[in-house]
Amino acid sequence: MNKKIHLSLLALALFSFCYAQTTIPADSPAKTEVWTPVPKIITPAANGTGPASDAIVLFDGKNLEEWVSTNNIKTNAKWKVEDGILTVDKTSGNIQTKRSFTDYQLHIEWRVPANITGSGQARGNSGLFLASTGGGDAGYELQILDSYQNETYVNGQAGSIYKQYPPLVNASRKPGEWQAYDIIWTAPRFNEDSTLKSPAKVTVFHNQVLIQNNVELKGETRYIGAPYYKKHGACPIKLQAHGDKSEPLSFRNIWIREL
């Protein structure tokens, strides 16, 4: 549609709305009714856990076409795909999405092996980087870990915003059982001079239990030292191949809705 025509129609609609509002009696229920714009119609998943019709499927159990190696973003991800399941390959390093995202809703399912060994941070460790701002472990990390009867520092257990916020509760299932994160991510915004305009925010459900309630992140994840921000735009989502010696985790059913 021609831009001028579009703006004219928009102005006409606004005028019509304003005129209608001024002619409706103040004591009428219609005074507070809004009819436009009409929300877009999407089809939700029939089973309640799958992707809606407007979702981007990042892993459907078949291949890693949506993922690349973080070490070399021109190289396809090398993790193992078998029987509809994605398993971490610690020798090939982290993987990240080919696409970059700003604000989104994300669903991801993960499983600690039933035969997991180790303790603390060396037991089923991985990380979901909600925005990967560079190679290695740069970005904002939501911790993945076996936190079923496994003691560690609370801002490093499963569901924590790593080294920033412990989860509100520990909703972890036993090793060998599938778990799910459902996430609402609002990316940080920056001013032209690279200063922070508004911080990142995240809400997380772990196995349908609220564990992070619209928390404001203090900056990017730092293993040592306090978190801080540096300016960035849209970013990939990253999965970590942690360097501990425990058995590798698996993932399935990963999808995202851009907001």
C-alpha atoms as a PDB file:
ATOM      1  CA  MET A   1       0.000   0.000   0.000  1.00  0.00           C
ATOM      2  CA  ASN A   2       1.222   3.485  -0.827  1.00  0.00           C
ATOM      3  CA  LYS A   3       2.620   5.154   2.297  1.00  0.00           C
ATOM      4  CA  LYS A   4       0.566   8.332   1.800  1.00  0.00           C
ATOM      5  CA  ILE A   5      -2.650   6.327   1.376  1.00  0.00           C
ATOM      6  CA  HIS A   6      -1.826   4.291   4.479  1.00  0.00           C
ATOM      7  CA  LEU A   7      -1.270   7.426   6.555  1.00  0.00           C
ATOM      8  CA  SER A   8      -4.473   8.969   5.215  1.00  0.00           C
ATOM      9  CA  LEU A   9      -6.510   5.916   6.157  1.00  0.00           C
ATOM     10  CA  LEU A  10      -4.894   5.866   9.582  1.00  0.00           C
ATOM     11  CA  ALA A  11      -5.735   9.533  10.113  1.00  0.00           C
ATOM     12  CA  LEU A  12      -9.322   8.923   8.971  1.00  0.00           C
ATOM     13  CA  ALA A  13      -9.699   6.009  11.369  1.00  0.00           C
ATOM     14  CA  LEU A  14      -8.315   8.088  14.220  1.00  0.00           C
ATOM     15  CA  PHE A  15     -10.658  10.968  13.398  1.00  0.00           C
ATOM     16  CA  SER A  16     -13.639   8.608  13.228  1.00  0.00           C
ATOM     17  CA  PHE A  17     -12.728   7.071  16.577  1.00  0.00           C
ATOM     18  CA  CYS A  18     -12.293  10.455  18.255  1.00  0.00           C
ATOM     19  CA  TYR A  19     -15.554  11.737  16.779  1.00  0.00           C
ATOM     20  CA  ALA A  20     -17.432   8.632  17.901  1.00  0.00           C
ATOM     21  CA  GLN A  21     -16.053   8.971  21.403  1.00  0.00           C
ATOM     22  CA  THR A  22     -17.179  12.585  21.686  1.00  0.00           C
ATOM     23  CA  THR A  23     -20.730  11.700  20.583  1.00  0.00           C
ATOM     24  CA  ILE A  24     -21.168   8.760  22.983  1.00  0.00           C
ATOM     25  CA  PRO A  25     -22.880   9.702  26.267  1.00  0.00           C
ATOM     26  CA  ALA A  26     -20.505   9.673  29.231  1.00  0.00           C
ATOM     27  CA  ASP A  27     -22.634   7.135  31.121  1.00  0.00           C
ATOM     28  CA  SER A  28     -22.669   4.613  28.246  1.00  0.00           C
ATOM     29  CA  PRO A  29     -20.583   1.393  28.456  1.00  0.00           C
ATOM     30  CA  ALA A  30     -19.532   2.057  24.854  1.00  0.00           C
ATOM     31  CA  LYS A  31     -17.526   5.051  26.053  1.00  0.00           C
ATOM     32  CA  THR A  32     -14.761   2.727  27.239  1.00  0.00           C
ATOM     33  CA  GLU A  33     -14.977   0.087  24.468  1.00  0.00           C
ATOM     34  CA  VAL A  34     -12.048  -0.239  22.065  1.00  0.00           C
ATOM     35  CA  TRP A  35     -12.661  -2.069  18.756  1.00  0.00           C
ATOM     36  CA  THR A  36      -9.445  -1.531  16.819  1.00  0.00           C
ATOM     37  CA  PRO A  37      -6.823  -2.631  16.078  1.00  0.00           C
ATOM     38  CA  VAL A  38      -8.072  -6.224  16.169  1.00  0.00           C
ATOM     39  CA  PRO A  39      -5.462  -8.665  17.585  1.00  0.00           C
ATOM     40  CA  LYS A  40      -3.898 -11.051  15.074  1.00  0.00           C
ATOM     41  CA  ILE A  41      -5.394 -14.545  15.104  1.00  0.00           C
ATOM     42  CA  ILE A  42      -3.012 -17.476  15.706  1.00  0.00           C
ATOM     43  CA  THR A  43      -3.648 -21.168  16.276  1.00  0.00           C
ATOM     44  CA  PRO A  44      -2.379 -22.543  19.614  1.00  0.00           C
ATOM     45  CA  ALA A  45      -0.842 -25.998  19.855  1.00  0.00           C
ATOM     46  CA  ALA A  46      -3.370 -28.767  20.294  1.00  0.00           C
ATOM     47  CA  ASN A  47      -1.369 -30.483  23.040  1.00  0.00           C
ATOM     48  CA  GLY A  48      -0.582 -27.329  25.014  1.00  0.00           C
ATOM     49  CA  THR A  49       3.217 -27.661  24.813  1.00  0.00           C
ATOM     50  CA  GLY A  50       3.962 -27.436  21.108  1.00  0.00           C
ATOM     51  CA  PRO A  51       4.508 -24.281  19.075  1.00  0.00           C
ATOM     52  CA  ALA A  52       1.716 -21.903  18.132  1.00  0.00           C
ATOM     53  CA  SER A  53       1.108 -21.162  14.466  1.00  0.00           C
ATOM     54  CA  ASP A  54       3.285 -18.023  14.530  1.00  0.00           C
ATOM     55  CA  ALA A  55       6.255 -19.678  16.270  1.00  0.00           C
ATOM     56  CA  ILE A  56       9.676 -20.332  14.760  1.00  0.00           C
ATOM     57  CA  VAL A  57      10.679 -23.939  15.441  1.00  0.00           C
ATOM     58  CA  LEU A  58      14.352 -23.968  16.430  1.00  0.00           C
ATOM     59  CA  PHE A  59      14.569 -27.731  16.967  1.00  0.00           C
ATOM     60  CA  ASP A  60      11.909 -30.225  15.918  1.00  0.00           C
ATOM     61  CA  GLY A  61      13.920 -33.391  16.502  1.00  0.00           C
ATOM     62  CA  LYS A  62      15.112 -33.750  12.917  1.00  0.00           C
ATOM     63  CA  ASN A  63      18.168 -31.563  12.330  1.00  0.00           C
ATOM     64  CA  LEU A  64      20.196 -28.525  13.398  1.00  0.00           C
ATOM     65  CA  GLU A  65      19.447 -26.303  10.409  1.00  0.00           C
ATOM     66  CA  GLU A  66      18.649 -23.384  12.744  1.00  0.00           C
ATOM     67  CA  TRP A  67      21.949 -23.675  14.669  1.00  0.00           C
ATOM     68  CA  VAL A  68      25.634 -22.948  14.120  1.00  0.00           C
ATOM     69  CA  SER A  69      28.824 -23.425  16.098  1.00  0.00           C
ATOM     70  CA  THR A  70      29.636 -20.470  18.349  1.00  0.00           C
ATOM     71  CA  ASN A  71      33.327 -21.013  17.629  1.00  0.00           C
ATOM     72  CA  ASN A  72      32.676 -20.471  13.921  1.00  0.00           C
ATOM     73  CA  ILE A  73      29.250 -19.139  12.974  1.00  0.00           C
ATOM     74  CA  LYS A  74      29.824 -20.235   9.370  1.00  0.00           C
ATOM     75  CA  THR A  75      29.925 -23.852  10.529  1.00  0.00           C
ATOM     76  CA  ASN A  76      26.796 -25.889  11.245  1.00  0.00           C
ATOM     77  CA  ALA A  77      26.322 -27.058  14.826  1.00  0.00           C
ATOM     78  CA  LYS A  78      27.838 -30.507  15.475  1.00  0.00           C
ATOM     79  CA  TRP A  79      25.831 -31.736  18.465  1.00  0.00           C
ATOM     80  CA  LYS A  80      24.242 -35.168  18.198  1.00  0.00           C
ATOM     81  CA  VAL A  81      20.666 -35.557  16.891  1.00  0.00           C
ATOM     82  CA  GLU A  82      19.123 -38.986  17.369  1.00  0.00           C
ATOM     83  CA  ASP A  83      15.572 -40.257  17.962  1.00  0.00           C
ATOM     84  CA  GLY A  84      14.223 -36.702  18.052  1.00  0.00           C
ATOM     85  CA  ILE A  85      16.652 -35.609  20.769  1.00  0.00           C
ATOM     86  CA  LEU A  86      19.565 -33.158  20.699  1.00  0.00           C
ATOM     87  CA  THR A  87      22.517 -34.105  22.931  1.00  0.00           C
ATOM     88  CA  VAL A  88      25.416 -31.824  23.885  1.00  0.00           C
ATOM     89  CA  ASP A  89      28.791 -32.575  22.310  1.00  0.00           C
ATOM     90  CA  LYS A  90      31.281 -31.047  24.730  1.00  0.00           C
ATOM     91  CA  THR A  91      34.164 -31.469  22.292  1.00  0.00           C
ATOM     92  CA  SER A  92      32.616 -29.161  19.684  1.00  0.00           C
ATOM     93  CA  GLY A  93      31.731 -26.257  21.998  1.00  0.00           C
ATOM     94  CA  ASN A  94      28.676 -24.051  22.334  1.00  0.00           C
ATOM     95  CA  ILE A  95      26.007 -23.669  19.670  1.00  0.00           C
ATOM     96  CA  GLN A  96      23.792 -20.697  18.843  1.00  0.00           C
ATOM     97  CA  THR A  97      20.851 -19.857  16.610  1.00  0.00           C
ATOM     98  CA  LYS A  98      21.493 -18.619  13.089  1.00  0.00           C
ATOM     99  CA  ARG A  99      18.859 -15.951  13.658  1.00  0.00           C
ATOM    100  CA  SER A 100      19.066 -13.039  16.066  1.00  0.00           C
ATOM    101  CA  PHE A 101      16.202 -11.966  18.309  1.00  0.00           C
ATOM    102  CA  THR A 102      15.184  -9.018  20.472  1.00  0.00           C
ATOM    103  CA  ASP A 103      12.047  -9.649  22.588  1.00  0.00           C
ATOM    104  CA  TYR A 104      10.510 -13.108  22.576  1.00  0.00           C
ATOM    105  CA  GLN A 105       8.666 -16.009  24.181  1.00  0.00           C
ATOM    106  CA  LEU A 106      10.786 -19.184  24.273  1.00  0.00           C
ATOM    107  CA  HIS A 107       9.990 -22.812  25.097  1.00  0.00           C
ATOM    108  CA  ILE A 108      12.767 -25.352  25.608  1.00  0.00           C
ATOM    109  CA  GLU A 109      12.840 -28.820  27.150  1.00  0.00           C
ATOM    110  CA  TRP A 110      15.951 -30.403  28.659  1.00  0.00           C
ATOM    111  CA  ARG A 111      16.963 -33.568  30.461  1.00  0.00           C
ATOM    112  CA  VAL A 112      19.770 -34.482  32.830  1.00  0.00           C
ATOM    113  CA  PRO A 113      20.895 -38.088  32.203  1.00  0.00           C
ATOM    114  CA  ALA A 114      19.546 -40.641  34.676  1.00  0.00           C
ATOM    115  CA  ASN A 115      23.098 -41.869  35.259  1.00  0.00           C
ATOM    116  CA  ILE A 116      24.474 -38.402  36.008  1.00  0.00           C
ATOM    117  CA  THR A 117      27.610 -38.251  38.168  1.00  0.00           C
ATOM    118  CA  GLY A 118      29.479 -35.434  39.873  1.00  0.00           C
ATOM    119  CA  SER A 119      28.229 -32.846  42.325  1.00  0.00           C
ATOM    120  CA  GLY A 120      27.584 -29.128  42.622  1.00  0.00           C
ATOM    121  CA  GLN A 121      28.355 -27.216  39.429  1.00  0.00           C
ATOM    122  CA  ALA A 122      29.949 -30.343  37.928  1.00  0.00           C
ATOM    123  CA  ARG A 123      26.639 -32.210  37.635  1.00  0.00           C
ATOM    124  CA  GLY A 124      24.597 -31.749  34.483  1.00  0.00           C
ATOM    125  CA  ASN A 125      25.804 -28.213  33.885  1.00  0.00           C
ATOM    126  CA  SER A 126      24.766 -26.229  30.830  1.00  0.00           C
ATOM    127  CA  GLY A 127      23.416 -22.777  30.191  1.00  0.00           C
ATOM    128  CA  LEU A 128      20.756 -21.113  28.086  1.00  0.00           C
ATOM    129  CA  PHE A 129      22.061 -17.716  27.008  1.00  0.00           C
ATOM    130  CA  LEU A 130      18.982 -15.606  26.413  1.00  0.00           C
ATOM    131  CA  ALA A 131      21.024 -13.208  24.302  1.00  0.00           C
ATOM    132  CA  SER A 132      24.511 -14.196  23.186  1.00  0.00           C
ATOM    133  CA  THR A 133      26.576 -11.041  22.753  1.00  0.00           C
ATOM    134  CA  GLY A 134      29.752 -12.775  21.577  1.00  0.00           C
ATOM    135  CA  GLY A 135      31.769 -15.976  21.549  1.00  0.00           C
ATOM    136  CA  GLY A 136      32.462 -18.157  24.554  1.00  0.00           C
ATOM    137  CA  ASP A 137      30.123 -17.480  27.459  1.00  0.00           C
ATOM    138  CA  ALA A 138      29.300 -13.840  26.693  1.00  0.00           C
ATOM    139  CA  GLY A 139      25.674 -12.886  27.200  1.00  0.00           C
ATOM    140  CA  TYR A 140      22.850 -13.380  29.703  1.00  0.00           C
ATOM    141  CA  GLU A 141      22.669 -16.883  31.179  1.00  0.00           C
ATOM    142  CA  LEU A 142      19.743 -18.822  32.569  1.00  0.00           C
ATOM    143  CA  GLN A 143      21.355 -21.742  34.382  1.00  0.00           C
ATOM    144  CA  ILE A 144      20.691 -25.366  33.498  1.00  0.00           C
ATOM    145  CA  LEU A 145      21.889 -27.860  36.105  1.00  0.00           C
ATOM    146  CA  ASP A 146      20.836 -30.932  38.036  1.00  0.00           C
ATOM    147  CA  SER A 147      19.388 -29.250  41.110  1.00  0.00           C
ATOM    148  CA  TYR A 148      17.465 -32.266  42.388  1.00  0.00           C
ATOM    149  CA  GLN A 149      19.100 -32.960  45.770  1.00  0.00           C
ATOM    150  CA  ASN A 150      22.335 -31.396  44.520  1.00  0.00           C
ATOM    151  CA  GLU A 151      23.717 -28.594  46.687  1.00  0.00           C
ATOM    152  CA  THR A 152      25.457 -25.572  45.191  1.00  0.00           C
ATOM    153  CA  TYR A 153      25.375 -21.775  45.532  1.00  0.00           C
ATOM    154  CA  VAL A 154      21.767 -20.700  45.054  1.00  0.00           C
ATOM    155  CA  ASN A 155      22.436 -18.088  42.361  1.00  0.00           C
ATOM    156  CA  GLY A 156      24.020 -20.891  40.343  1.00  0.00           C
ATOM    157  CA  GLN A 157      21.376 -23.591  40.666  1.00  0.00           C
ATOM    158  CA  ALA A 158      18.890 -24.537  37.945  1.00  0.00           C
ATOM    159  CA  GLY A 159      16.583 -21.648  37.094  1.00  0.00           C
ATOM    160  CA  SER A 160      18.903 -18.957  38.397  1.00  0.00           C
ATOM    161  CA  ILE A 161      19.927 -15.954  36.374  1.00  0.00           C
ATOM    162  CA  TYR A 162      23.515 -17.002  36.821  1.00  0.00           C
ATOM    163  CA  LYS A 163      25.335 -15.114  39.600  1.00  0.00           C
ATOM    164  CA  GLN A 164      22.433 -12.617  39.823  1.00  0.00           C
ATOM    165  CA  TYR A 165      19.085 -14.068  40.922  1.00  0.00           C
ATOM    166  CA  PRO A 166      18.302 -17.436  42.544  1.00  0.00           C
ATOM    167  CA  PRO A 167      15.004 -19.005  41.448  1.00  0.00           C
ATOM    168  CA  LEU A 168      11.996 -18.238  43.644  1.00  0.00           C
ATOM    169  CA  VAL A 169      11.623 -21.989  44.263  1.00  0.00           C
ATOM    170  CA  ASN A 170      13.395 -25.195  43.231  1.00  0.00           C
ATOM    171  CA  ALA A 171      11.048 -26.935  40.775  1.00  0.00           C
ATOM    172  CA  SER A 172      13.594 -29.486  39.543  1.00  0.00           C
ATOM    173  CA  ARG A 173      12.645 -33.006  38.521  1.00  0.00           C
ATOM    174  CA  LYS A 174      14.781 -36.103  39.036  1.00  0.00           C
ATOM    175  CA  PRO A 175      17.610 -36.909  36.617  1.00  0.00           C
ATOM    176  CA  GLY A 176      16.253 -38.839  33.661  1.00  0.00           C
ATOM    177  CA  GLU A 177      12.981 -36.851  33.569  1.00  0.00           C
ATOM    178  CA  TRP A 178      12.257 -34.142  31.014  1.00  0.00           C
ATOM    179  CA  GLN A 179      12.039 -30.550  32.274  1.00  0.00           C
ATOM    180  CA  ALA A 180      10.862 -27.366  30.579  1.00  0.00           C
ATOM    181  CA  TYR A 181      11.600 -23.661  30.664  1.00  0.00           C
ATOM    182  CA  ASP A 182       9.045 -21.164  29.373  1.00  0.00           C
ATOM    183  CA  ILE A 183      10.567 -17.719  29.123  1.00  0.00           C
ATOM    184  CA  ILE A 184       9.503 -14.158  28.373  1.00  0.00           C
ATOM    185  CA  TRP A 185      12.567 -12.097  27.471  1.00  0.00           C
ATOM    186  CA  THR A 186      12.688  -8.323  27.063  1.00  0.00           C
ATOM    187  CA  ALA A 187      16.034  -7.214  25.692  1.00  0.00           C
ATOM    188  CA  PRO A 188      17.874  -4.180  27.077  1.00  0.00           C
ATOM    189  CA  ARG A 189      17.792  -0.903  25.176  1.00  0.00           C
ATOM    190  CA  PHE A 190      20.681   1.505  24.802  1.00  0.00           C
ATOM    191  CA  ASN A 191      21.042   5.204  24.085  1.00  0.00           C
ATOM    192  CA  GLU A 192      23.016   6.518  21.120  1.00  0.00           C
ATOM    193  CA  ASP A 193      25.998   7.167  23.395  1.00  0.00           C
ATOM    194  CA  SER A 194      25.962   3.458  24.435  1.00  0.00           C
ATOM    195  CA  THR A 195      24.606   4.138  27.928  1.00  0.00           C
ATOM    196  CA  LEU A 196      21.812   1.922  29.221  1.00  0.00           C
ATOM    197  CA  LYS A 197      18.312   3.184  28.427  1.00  0.00           C
ATOM    198  CA  SER A 198      16.362   0.285  29.972  1.00  0.00           C
ATOM    199  CA  PRO A 199      17.613  -3.007  31.478  1.00  0.00           C
ATOM    200  CA  ALA A 200      16.847  -6.507  30.273  1.00  0.00           C
ATOM    201  CA  LYS A 201      13.894  -8.206  31.970  1.00  0.00           C
ATOM    202  CA  VAL A 202      12.959 -11.867  32.160  1.00  0.00           C
ATOM    203  CA  THR A 203      10.126 -14.036  33.444  1.00  0.00           C
ATOM    204  CA  VAL A 204      10.756 -17.783  33.691  1.00  0.00           C
ATOM    205  CA  PHE A 205       8.531 -20.782  34.393  1.00  0.00           C
ATOM    206  CA  HIS A 206      10.303 -24.032  35.295  1.00  0.00           C
ATOM    207  CA  ASN A 207       8.037 -27.046  34.786  1.00  0.00           C
ATOM    208  CA  GLN A 208       5.082 -24.618  34.768  1.00  0.00           C
ATOM    209  CA  VAL A 209       6.148 -23.077  38.093  1.00  0.00           C
ATOM    210  CA  LEU A 210       7.059 -19.367  38.206  1.00  0.00           C
ATOM    211  CA  ILE A 211      10.708 -19.038  39.257  1.00  0.00           C
ATOM    212  CA  GLN A 212      11.737 -15.595  37.903  1.00  0.00           C
ATOM    213  CA  ASN A 213       9.121 -12.850  38.045  1.00  0.00           C
ATOM    214  CA  ASN A 214       9.953 -10.053  35.596  1.00  0.00           C
ATOM    215  CA  VAL A 215      13.372  -9.487  37.156  1.00  0.00           C
ATOM    216  CA  GLU A 216      15.626  -6.700  35.893  1.00  0.00           C
ATOM    217  CA  LEU A 217      19.051  -8.023  34.994  1.00  0.00           C
ATOM    218  CA  LYS A 218      22.089  -6.195  36.353  1.00  0.00           C
ATOM    219  CA  GLY A 219      24.030  -6.785  33.158  1.00  0.00           C
ATOM    220  CA  GLU A 220      25.635  -9.642  31.294  1.00  0.00           C
ATOM    221  CA  THR A 221      26.654 -12.822  33.090  1.00  0.00           C
ATOM    222  CA  ARG A 222      30.108 -12.691  34.698  1.00  0.00           C
ATOM    223  CA  TYR A 223      31.731 -15.743  36.231  1.00  0.00           C
ATOM    224  CA  ILE A 224      34.081 -13.452  38.188  1.00  0.00           C
ATOM    225  CA  GLY A 225      33.091  -9.945  39.225  1.00  0.00           C
ATOM    226  CA  ALA A 226      29.919  -7.886  39.064  1.00  0.00           C
ATOM    227  CA  PRO A 227      27.683  -7.915  35.976  1.00  0.00           C
ATOM    228  CA  TYR A 228      27.586  -4.899  33.677  1.00  0.00           C
ATOM    229  CA  TYR A 229      26.091  -3.891  30.345  1.00  0.00           C
ATOM    230  CA  LYS A 230      27.709  -3.159  27.006  1.00  0.00           C
ATOM    231  CA  LYS A 231      25.724  -1.905  24.038  1.00  0.00           C
ATOM    232  CA  HIS A 232      24.352  -4.489  21.593  1.00  0.00           C
ATOM    233  CA  GLY A 233      21.401  -5.063  19.307  1.00  0.00           C
ATOM    234  CA  ALA A 234      19.478  -8.218  18.444  1.00  0.00           C
ATOM    235  CA  CYS A 235      21.362 -11.368  19.452  1.00  0.00           C
ATOM    236  CA  PRO A 236      21.372 -15.132  18.859  1.00  0.00           C
ATOM    237  CA  ILE A 237      20.286 -17.576  21.558  1.00  0.00           C
ATOM    238  CA  LYS A 238      23.079 -19.867  22.759  1.00  0.00           C
ATOM    239  CA  LEU A 239      23.300 -23.304  24.390  1.00  0.00           C
ATOM    240  CA  GLN A 240      26.385 -24.077  26.428  1.00  0.00           C
ATOM    241  CA  ALA A 241      28.667 -27.091  26.228  1.00  0.00           C
ATOM    242  CA  HIS A 242      29.987 -26.822  29.776  1.00  0.00           C
ATOM    243  CA  GLY A 243      33.461 -28.140  30.481  1.00  0.00           C
ATOM    244  CA  ASP A 244      32.630 -30.354  33.471  1.00  0.00           C
ATOM    245  CA  LYS A 245      33.175 -34.112  33.257  1.00  0.00           C
ATOM    246  CA  SER A 246      29.600 -35.249  33.920  1.00  0.00           C
ATOM    247  CA  GLU A 247      27.429 -36.943  31.317  1.00  0.00           C
ATOM    248  CA  PRO A 248      26.029 -34.510  28.678  1.00  0.00           C
ATOM    249  CA  LEU A 249      22.491 -33.118  28.740  1.00  0.00           C
ATOM    250  CA  SER A 250      19.840 -33.443  26.055  1.00  0.00           C
ATOM    251  CA  PHE A 251      17.262 -31.034  24.581  1.00  0.00           C
ATOM    252  CA  ARG A 252      14.053 -31.258  22.570  1.00  0.00           C
ATOM    253  CA  ASN A 253      11.024 -29.227  21.462  1.00  0.00           C
ATOM    254  CA  ILE A 254      12.617 -25.762  21.132  1.00  0.00           C
ATOM    255  CA  TRP A 255      10.505 -22.975  19.684  1.00  0.00           C
ATOM    256  CA  ILE A 256      10.264 -19.202  19.871  1.00  0.00           C
ATOM    257  CA  ARG A 257       7.707 -16.448  19.252  1.00  0.00           C
ATOM    258  CA  GLU A 258       9.042 -13.000  18.486  1.00  0.00           C
ATOM    259  CA  LEU A 259       7.244 -10.267  20.432  1.00  0.00           C
END
